[in-house]
Full PDB file with SEQRES, HELIX, SHEET, SSBOND, CRYST1, ORIGX, SCALE, CONECT and MASTER records, all heavy atoms in Angstrom:
SEQRES   1 A   30  VAL THR ASN ALA TYR SER GLY GLY LEU ALA LEU SER ASN          
SEQRES   2 A   30  LEU LEU GLY PHE ASP GLU SER LYS PHE LYS ILE THR THR          
SEQRES   3 A   30  GLY ILE ALA GLY                                              
HELIX    1 AA1 THR A    2  LEU A   14  1                                  13    
HELIX    2 AA2 GLU A   19  LYS A   21  5                                   3    
HELIX    3 AA3 PHE A   22  ALA A   29  1                                   8    
CRYST1    1.000    1.000    1.000  90.00  90.00  90.00 P 1           1          
ORIGX1      1.000000  0.000000  0.000000        0.00000                         
ORIGX2      0.000000  1.000000  0.000000        0.00000                         
ORIGX3      0.000000  0.000000  1.000000        0.00000                         
SCALE1      1.000000  0.000000  0.000000        0.00000                         
SCALE2      0.000000  1.000000  0.000000        0.00000                         
SCALE3      0.000000  0.000000  1.000000        0.00000                         
ATOM      1  N   VAL A   1      29.353  -8.023  13.818  1.00  0.00           N  
ATOM      2  CA  VAL A   1      29.052  -8.812  12.621  1.00  0.00           C  
ATOM      3  C   VAL A   1      27.809  -9.677  12.839  1.00  0.00           C  
ATOM      4  O   VAL A   1      27.046  -9.937  11.894  1.00  0.00           O  
ATOM      5  CB  VAL A   1      30.249  -9.689  12.192  1.00  0.00           C  
ATOM      6  CG1 VAL A   1      31.368  -8.846  11.621  1.00  0.00           C  
ATOM      7  CG2 VAL A   1      30.735 -10.572  13.331  1.00  0.00           C  
ATOM      8  N   THR A   2      27.579 -10.118  14.085  1.00  0.00           N  
ATOM      9  CA  THR A   2      26.370 -10.902  14.350  1.00  0.00           C  
ATOM     10  C   THR A   2      25.126 -10.030  14.260  1.00  0.00           C  
ATOM     11  O   THR A   2      24.067 -10.489  13.813  1.00  0.00           O  
ATOM     12  CB  THR A   2      26.434 -11.569  15.734  1.00  0.00           C  
ATOM     13  OG1 THR A   2      26.562 -10.585  16.754  1.00  0.00           O  
ATOM     14  CG2 THR A   2      27.616 -12.527  15.815  1.00  0.00           C  
ATOM     15  N   ASN A   3      25.241  -8.757  14.681  1.00  0.00           N  
ATOM     16  CA  ASN A   3      24.111  -7.833  14.532  1.00  0.00           C  
ATOM     17  C   ASN A   3      23.776  -7.627  13.059  1.00  0.00           C  
ATOM     18  O   ASN A   3      22.600  -7.642  12.666  1.00  0.00           O  
ATOM     19  CB  ASN A   3      24.441  -6.487  15.176  1.00  0.00           C  
ATOM     20  CG  ASN A   3      24.507  -6.552  16.679  1.00  0.00           C  
ATOM     21  OD1 ASN A   3      23.733  -7.250  17.317  1.00  0.00           O  
ATOM     22  ND2 ASN A   3      25.446  -5.820  17.271  1.00  0.00           N  
ATOM     23  N   ALA A   4      24.804  -7.434  12.243  1.00  0.00           N  
ATOM     24  CA  ALA A   4      24.570  -7.219  10.809  1.00  0.00           C  
ATOM     25  C   ALA A   4      24.035  -8.492  10.150  1.00  0.00           C  
ATOM     26  O   ALA A   4      23.111  -8.433   9.324  1.00  0.00           O  
ATOM     27  CB  ALA A   4      25.864  -6.786  10.127  1.00  0.00           C  
ATOM     28  N   TYR A   5      24.579  -9.639  10.522  1.00  0.00           N  
ATOM     29  CA  TYR A   5      24.166 -10.915   9.926  1.00  0.00           C  
ATOM     30  C   TYR A   5      22.700 -11.213  10.239  1.00  0.00           C  
ATOM     31  O   TYR A   5      21.905 -11.472   9.332  1.00  0.00           O  
ATOM     32  CB  TYR A   5      25.065 -12.027  10.464  1.00  0.00           C  
ATOM     33  CG  TYR A   5      24.714 -13.411   9.966  1.00  0.00           C  
ATOM     34  CD1 TYR A   5      25.063 -13.807   8.682  1.00  0.00           C  
ATOM     35  CD2 TYR A   5      24.039 -14.323  10.770  1.00  0.00           C  
ATOM     36  CE1 TYR A   5      24.745 -15.081   8.211  1.00  0.00           C  
ATOM     37  CE2 TYR A   5      23.722 -15.591  10.313  1.00  0.00           C  
ATOM     38  CZ  TYR A   5      24.079 -15.966   9.037  1.00  0.00           C  
ATOM     39  OH  TYR A   5      23.760 -17.212   8.579  1.00  0.00           O  
ATOM     40  N   SER A   6      22.339 -11.168  11.521  1.00  0.00           N  
ATOM     41  CA  SER A   6      20.955 -11.460  11.901  1.00  0.00           C  
ATOM     42  C   SER A   6      20.000 -10.376  11.410  1.00  0.00           C  
ATOM     43  O   SER A   6      18.856 -10.664  11.020  1.00  0.00           O  
ATOM     44  CB  SER A   6      20.839 -11.608  13.421  1.00  0.00           C  
ATOM     45  OG  SER A   6      21.468 -12.790  13.849  1.00  0.00           O  
ATOM     46  N   GLY A   7      20.454  -9.118  11.417  1.00  0.00           N  
ATOM     47  CA  GLY A   7      19.628  -8.037  10.880  1.00  0.00           C  
ATOM     48  C   GLY A   7      19.349  -8.227   9.404  1.00  0.00           C  
ATOM     49  O   GLY A   7      18.230  -7.981   8.924  1.00  0.00           O  
ATOM     50  N   GLY A   8      20.361  -8.699   8.667  1.00  0.00           N  
ATOM     51  CA  GLY A   8      20.186  -8.955   7.240  1.00  0.00           C  
ATOM     52  C   GLY A   8      19.212 -10.085   6.969  1.00  0.00           C  
ATOM     53  O   GLY A   8      18.388 -10.010   6.057  1.00  0.00           O  
ATOM     54  N   LEU A   9      19.281 -11.151   7.780  1.00  0.00           N  
ATOM     55  CA  LEU A   9      18.335 -12.269   7.621  1.00  0.00           C  
ATOM     56  C   LEU A   9      16.900 -11.813   7.880  1.00  0.00           C  
ATOM     57  O   LEU A   9      15.983 -12.143   7.123  1.00  0.00           O  
ATOM     58  CB  LEU A   9      18.702 -13.392   8.592  1.00  0.00           C  
ATOM     59  CG  LEU A   9      19.934 -14.235   8.256  1.00  0.00           C  
ATOM     60  CD1 LEU A   9      20.213 -15.209   9.392  1.00  0.00           C  
ATOM     61  CD2 LEU A   9      19.761 -14.985   6.943  1.00  0.00           C  
ATOM     62  N   ALA A  10      16.723 -11.067   8.984  1.00  0.00           N  
ATOM     63  CA  ALA A  10      15.375 -10.591   9.330  1.00  0.00           C  
ATOM     64  C   ALA A  10      14.833  -9.655   8.250  1.00  0.00           C  
ATOM     65  O   ALA A  10      13.653  -9.717   7.881  1.00  0.00           O  
ATOM     66  CB  ALA A  10      15.401  -9.890  10.686  1.00  0.00           C  
ATOM     67  N   LEU A  11      15.706  -8.792   7.737  1.00  0.00           N  
ATOM     68  CA  LEU A  11      15.278  -7.849   6.708  1.00  0.00           C  
ATOM     69  C   LEU A  11      14.937  -8.567   5.405  1.00  0.00           C  
ATOM     70  O   LEU A  11      14.000  -8.182   4.697  1.00  0.00           O  
ATOM     71  CB  LEU A  11      16.380  -6.809   6.480  1.00  0.00           C  
ATOM     72  CG  LEU A  11      15.976  -5.506   5.784  1.00  0.00           C  
ATOM     73  CD1 LEU A  11      14.863  -4.804   6.560  1.00  0.00           C  
ATOM     74  CD2 LEU A  11      17.198  -4.586   5.670  1.00  0.00           C  
ATOM     75  N   SER A  12      15.676  -9.640   5.093  1.00  0.00           N  
ATOM     76  CA  SER A  12      15.362 -10.427   3.894  1.00  0.00           C  
ATOM     77  C   SER A  12      13.950 -10.990   3.983  1.00  0.00           C  
ATOM     78  O   SER A  12      13.171 -10.924   3.019  1.00  0.00           O  
ATOM     79  CB  SER A  12      16.364 -11.582   3.743  1.00  0.00           C  
ATOM     80  OG  SER A  12      17.618 -11.117   3.324  1.00  0.00           O  
ATOM     81  N   ASN A  13      13.616 -11.562   5.133  1.00  0.00           N  
ATOM     82  CA  ASN A  13      12.282 -12.130   5.301  1.00  0.00           C  
ATOM     83  C   ASN A  13      11.210 -11.044   5.290  1.00  0.00           C  
ATOM     84  O   ASN A  13      10.138 -11.210   4.698  1.00  0.00           O  
ATOM     85  CB  ASN A  13      12.207 -12.922   6.604  1.00  0.00           C  
ATOM     86  CG  ASN A  13      10.954 -13.768   6.702  1.00  0.00           C  
ATOM     87  OD1 ASN A  13      10.553 -14.419   5.742  1.00  0.00           O  
ATOM     88  ND2 ASN A  13      10.319 -13.752   7.857  1.00  0.00           N  
ATOM     89  N   LEU A  14      11.493  -9.910   5.926  1.00  0.00           N  
ATOM     90  CA  LEU A  14      10.535  -8.808   5.978  1.00  0.00           C  
ATOM     91  C   LEU A  14      10.203  -8.286   4.583  1.00  0.00           C  
ATOM     92  O   LEU A  14       9.050  -7.973   4.278  1.00  0.00           O  
ATOM     93  CB  LEU A  14      11.098  -7.671   6.845  1.00  0.00           C  
ATOM     94  CG  LEU A  14      10.273  -6.384   6.927  1.00  0.00           C  
ATOM     95  CD1 LEU A  14       8.915  -6.659   7.564  1.00  0.00           C  
ATOM     96  CD2 LEU A  14      11.034  -5.321   7.712  1.00  0.00           C  
ATOM     97  N   LEU A  15      11.211  -8.211   3.727  1.00  0.00           N  
ATOM     98  CA  LEU A  15      11.021  -7.661   2.385  1.00  0.00           C  
ATOM     99  C   LEU A  15      10.553  -8.708   1.375  1.00  0.00           C  
ATOM    100  O   LEU A  15      10.363  -8.394   0.197  1.00  0.00           O  
ATOM    101  CB  LEU A  15      12.325  -7.022   1.899  1.00  0.00           C  
ATOM    102  CG  LEU A  15      12.820  -5.823   2.723  1.00  0.00           C  
ATOM    103  CD1 LEU A  15      14.162  -5.331   2.194  1.00  0.00           C  
ATOM    104  CD2 LEU A  15      11.801  -4.689   2.705  1.00  0.00           C  
ATOM    105  N   GLY A  16      10.375  -9.950   1.844  1.00  0.00           N  
ATOM    106  CA  GLY A  16       9.882 -10.995   0.955  1.00  0.00           C  
ATOM    107  C   GLY A  16      10.946 -11.622   0.081  1.00  0.00           C  
ATOM    108  O   GLY A  16      10.623 -12.287  -0.915  1.00  0.00           O  
ATOM    109  N   PHE A  17      12.231 -11.425   0.458  1.00  0.00           N  
ATOM    110  CA  PHE A  17      13.323 -12.039  -0.295  1.00  0.00           C  
ATOM    111  C   PHE A  17      13.648 -13.397   0.304  1.00  0.00           C  
ATOM    112  O   PHE A  17      13.219 -13.730   1.405  1.00  0.00           O  
ATOM    113  CB  PHE A  17      14.579 -11.162  -0.250  1.00  0.00           C  
ATOM    114  CG  PHE A  17      14.416  -9.796  -0.851  1.00  0.00           C  
ATOM    115  CD1 PHE A  17      15.186  -8.734  -0.394  1.00  0.00           C  
ATOM    116  CD2 PHE A  17      13.509  -9.571  -1.866  1.00  0.00           C  
ATOM    117  CE1 PHE A  17      15.047  -7.463  -0.936  1.00  0.00           C  
ATOM    118  CE2 PHE A  17      13.361  -8.302  -2.424  1.00  0.00           C  
ATOM    119  CZ  PHE A  17      14.134  -7.252  -1.954  1.00  0.00           C  
ATOM    120  N   ASP A  18      14.481 -14.170  -0.427  1.00  0.00           N  
ATOM    121  CA  ASP A  18      15.050 -15.363   0.184  1.00  0.00           C  
ATOM    122  C   ASP A  18      16.509 -15.061   0.514  1.00  0.00           C  
ATOM    123  O   ASP A  18      16.967 -13.923   0.380  1.00  0.00           O  
ATOM    124  CB  ASP A  18      14.903 -16.594  -0.729  1.00  0.00           C  
ATOM    125  CG  ASP A  18      15.615 -16.407  -2.071  1.00  0.00           C  
ATOM    126  OD1 ASP A  18      16.536 -15.565  -2.170  1.00  0.00           O  
ATOM    127  OD2 ASP A  18      15.239 -17.111  -3.033  1.00  0.00           O  
ATOM    128  N   GLU A  19      17.241 -16.092   0.937  1.00  0.00           N  
ATOM    129  CA  GLU A  19      18.603 -15.830   1.410  1.00  0.00           C  
ATOM    130  C   GLU A  19      19.572 -15.492   0.285  1.00  0.00           C  
ATOM    131  O   GLU A  19      20.694 -15.051   0.543  1.00  0.00           O  
ATOM    132  CB  GLU A  19      19.117 -17.024   2.219  1.00  0.00           C  
ATOM    133  CG  GLU A  19      20.265 -16.658   3.142  1.00  0.00           C  
ATOM    134  CD  GLU A  19      20.472 -17.657   4.279  1.00  0.00           C  
ATOM    135  OE1 GLU A  19      19.667 -18.587   4.423  1.00  0.00           O  
ATOM    136  OE2 GLU A  19      21.445 -17.486   5.017  1.00  0.00           O  
ATOM    137  N   SER A  20      19.178 -15.666  -0.947  1.00  0.00           N  
ATOM    138  CA  SER A  20      20.046 -15.296  -2.064  1.00  0.00           C  
ATOM    139  C   SER A  20      20.279 -13.785  -2.114  1.00  0.00           C  
ATOM    140  O   SER A  20      21.261 -13.318  -2.690  1.00  0.00           O  
ATOM    141  CB  SER A  20      19.445 -15.774  -3.393  1.00  0.00           C  
ATOM    142  OG  SER A  20      18.229 -15.090  -3.675  1.00  0.00           O  
ATOM    143  N   LYS A  21      19.361 -13.026  -1.500  1.00  0.00           N  
ATOM    144  CA  LYS A  21      19.507 -11.561  -1.452  1.00  0.00           C  
ATOM    145  C   LYS A  21      20.139 -11.106  -0.125  1.00  0.00           C  
ATOM    146  O   LYS A  21      20.095  -9.929   0.207  1.00  0.00           O  
ATOM    147  CB  LYS A  21      18.137 -10.894  -1.601  1.00  0.00           C  
ATOM    148  CG  LYS A  21      17.392 -11.262  -2.864  1.00  0.00           C  
ATOM    149  CD  LYS A  21      18.103 -10.727  -4.089  1.00  0.00           C  
ATOM    150  CE  LYS A  21      17.223 -10.819  -5.338  1.00  0.00           C  
ATOM    151  NZ  LYS A  21      16.817 -12.181  -5.680  1.00  0.00           N  
ATOM    152  N   PHE A  22      20.724 -12.060   0.590  1.00  0.00           N  
ATOM    153  CA  PHE A  22      21.239 -11.779   1.929  1.00  0.00           C  
ATOM    154  C   PHE A  22      22.279 -10.656   1.941  1.00  0.00           C  
ATOM    155  O   PHE A  22      22.266  -9.791   2.818  1.00  0.00           O  
ATOM    156  CB  PHE A  22      21.846 -13.062   2.515  1.00  0.00           C  
ATOM    157  CG  PHE A  22      22.680 -12.840   3.732  1.00  0.00           C  
ATOM    158  CD1 PHE A  22      22.091 -12.539   4.952  1.00  0.00           C  
ATOM    159  CD2 PHE A  22      24.065 -12.909   3.679  1.00  0.00           C  
ATOM    160  CE1 PHE A  22      22.859 -12.326   6.087  1.00  0.00           C  
ATOM    161  CE2 PHE A  22      24.833 -12.693   4.793  1.00  0.00           C  
ATOM    162  CZ  PHE A  22      24.234 -12.405   6.008  1.00  0.00           C  
ATOM    163  N   LYS A  23      23.186 -10.653   0.972  1.00  0.00           N  
ATOM    164  CA  LYS A  23      24.225  -9.618   0.961  1.00  0.00           C  
ATOM    165  C   LYS A  23      23.625  -8.227   0.794  1.00  0.00           C  
ATOM    166  O   LYS A  23      24.120  -7.257   1.382  1.00  0.00           O  
ATOM    167  CB  LYS A  23      25.243  -9.901  -0.144  1.00  0.00           C  
ATOM    168  CG  LYS A  23      26.118 -11.111   0.127  1.00  0.00           C  
ATOM    169  CD  LYS A  23      27.220 -11.245  -0.911  1.00  0.00           C  
ATOM    170  CE  LYS A  23      28.120 -12.429  -0.581  1.00  0.00           C  
ATOM    171  NZ  LYS A  23      29.244 -12.576  -1.545  1.00  0.00           N  
ATOM    172  N   ILE A  24      22.579  -8.124   0.000  1.00  0.00           N  
ATOM    173  CA  ILE A  24      21.930  -6.828  -0.198  1.00  0.00           C  
ATOM    174  C   ILE A  24      21.285  -6.343   1.088  1.00  0.00           C  
ATOM    175  O   ILE A  24      21.479  -5.195   1.511  1.00  0.00           O  
ATOM    176  CB  ILE A  24      20.873  -6.921  -1.321  1.00  0.00           C  
ATOM    177  CG1 ILE A  24      21.542  -7.264  -2.657  1.00  0.00           C  
ATOM    178  CG2 ILE A  24      20.076  -5.617  -1.419  1.00  0.00           C  
ATOM    179  CD1 ILE A  24      20.559  -7.533  -3.771  1.00  0.00           C  
ATOM    180  N   THR A  25      20.518  -7.228   1.736  1.00  0.00           N  
ATOM    181  CA  THR A  25      19.818  -6.812   2.951  1.00  0.00           C  
ATOM    182  C   THR A  25      20.781  -6.591   4.117  1.00  0.00           C  
ATOM    183  O   THR A  25      20.548  -5.717   4.958  1.00  0.00           O  
ATOM    184  CB  THR A  25      18.746  -7.847   3.343  1.00  0.00           C  
ATOM    185  OG1 THR A  25      19.339  -9.147   3.441  1.00  0.00           O  
ATOM    186  CG2 THR A  25      17.641  -7.879   2.313  1.00  0.00           C  
ATOM    187  N   THR A  26      21.865  -7.358   4.169  1.00  0.00           N  
ATOM    188  CA  THR A  26      22.880  -7.116   5.193  1.00  0.00           C  
ATOM    189  C   THR A  26      23.513  -5.752   4.986  1.00  0.00           C  
ATOM    190  O   THR A  26      23.765  -5.012   5.948  1.00  0.00           O  
ATOM    191  CB  THR A  26      23.961  -8.216   5.156  1.00  0.00           C  
ATOM    192  OG1 THR A  26      23.367  -9.471   5.444  1.00  0.00           O  
ATOM    193  CG2 THR A  26      25.057  -7.949   6.182  1.00  0.00           C  
ATOM    194  N   GLY A  27      23.777  -5.423   3.729  1.00  0.00           N  
ATOM    195  CA  GLY A  27      24.338  -4.103   3.424  1.00  0.00           C  
ATOM    196  C   GLY A  27      23.395  -2.981   3.820  1.00  0.00           C  
ATOM    197  O   GLY A  27      23.819  -1.954   4.359  1.00  0.00           O  
ATOM    198  N   ILE A  28      22.096  -3.180   3.573  1.00  0.00           N  
ATOM    199  CA  ILE A  28      21.102  -2.163   3.957  1.00  0.00           C  
ATOM    200  C   ILE A  28      21.064  -2.005   5.472  1.00  0.00           C  
ATOM    201  O   ILE A  28      21.087  -0.882   5.996  1.00  0.00           O  
ATOM    202  CB  ILE A  28      19.707  -2.543   3.419  1.00  0.00           C  
ATOM    203  CG1 ILE A  28      19.683  -2.488   1.887  1.00  0.00           C  
ATOM    204  CG2 ILE A  28      18.638  -1.616   3.993  1.00  0.00           C  
ATOM    205  CD1 ILE A  28      18.407  -3.055   1.270  1.00  0.00           C  
ATOM    206  N   ALA A  29      20.997  -3.145   6.189  1.00  0.00           N  
ATOM    207  CA  ALA A  29      20.949  -3.107   7.653  1.00  0.00           C  
ATOM    208  C   ALA A  29      22.180  -2.416   8.219  1.00  0.00           C  
ATOM    209  O   ALA A  29      22.081  -1.552   9.099  1.00  0.00           O  
ATOM    210  CB  ALA A  29      20.826  -4.528   8.212  1.00  0.00           C  
ATOM    211  N   GLY A  30      23.349  -2.786   7.701  1.00  0.00           N  
ATOM    212  CA  GLY A  30      24.581  -2.183   8.188  1.00  0.00           C  
ATOM    213  C   GLY A  30      24.695  -0.707   7.847  1.00  0.00           C  
ATOM    214  O   GLY A  30      25.173   0.092   8.649  1.00  0.00           O  
TER     215      GLY A  30                                                      
MASTER        0    0    0    3    0    0    0    6  214    1    0    3          
END                                                                             
């Protein structure tokens, strides 16, 4: 879960999103 959580945060920043899109990017990473 920590891999998915941190991966989602990094992916949010990479794609230019803020943390409001965290669930989407976590889902993509996972």
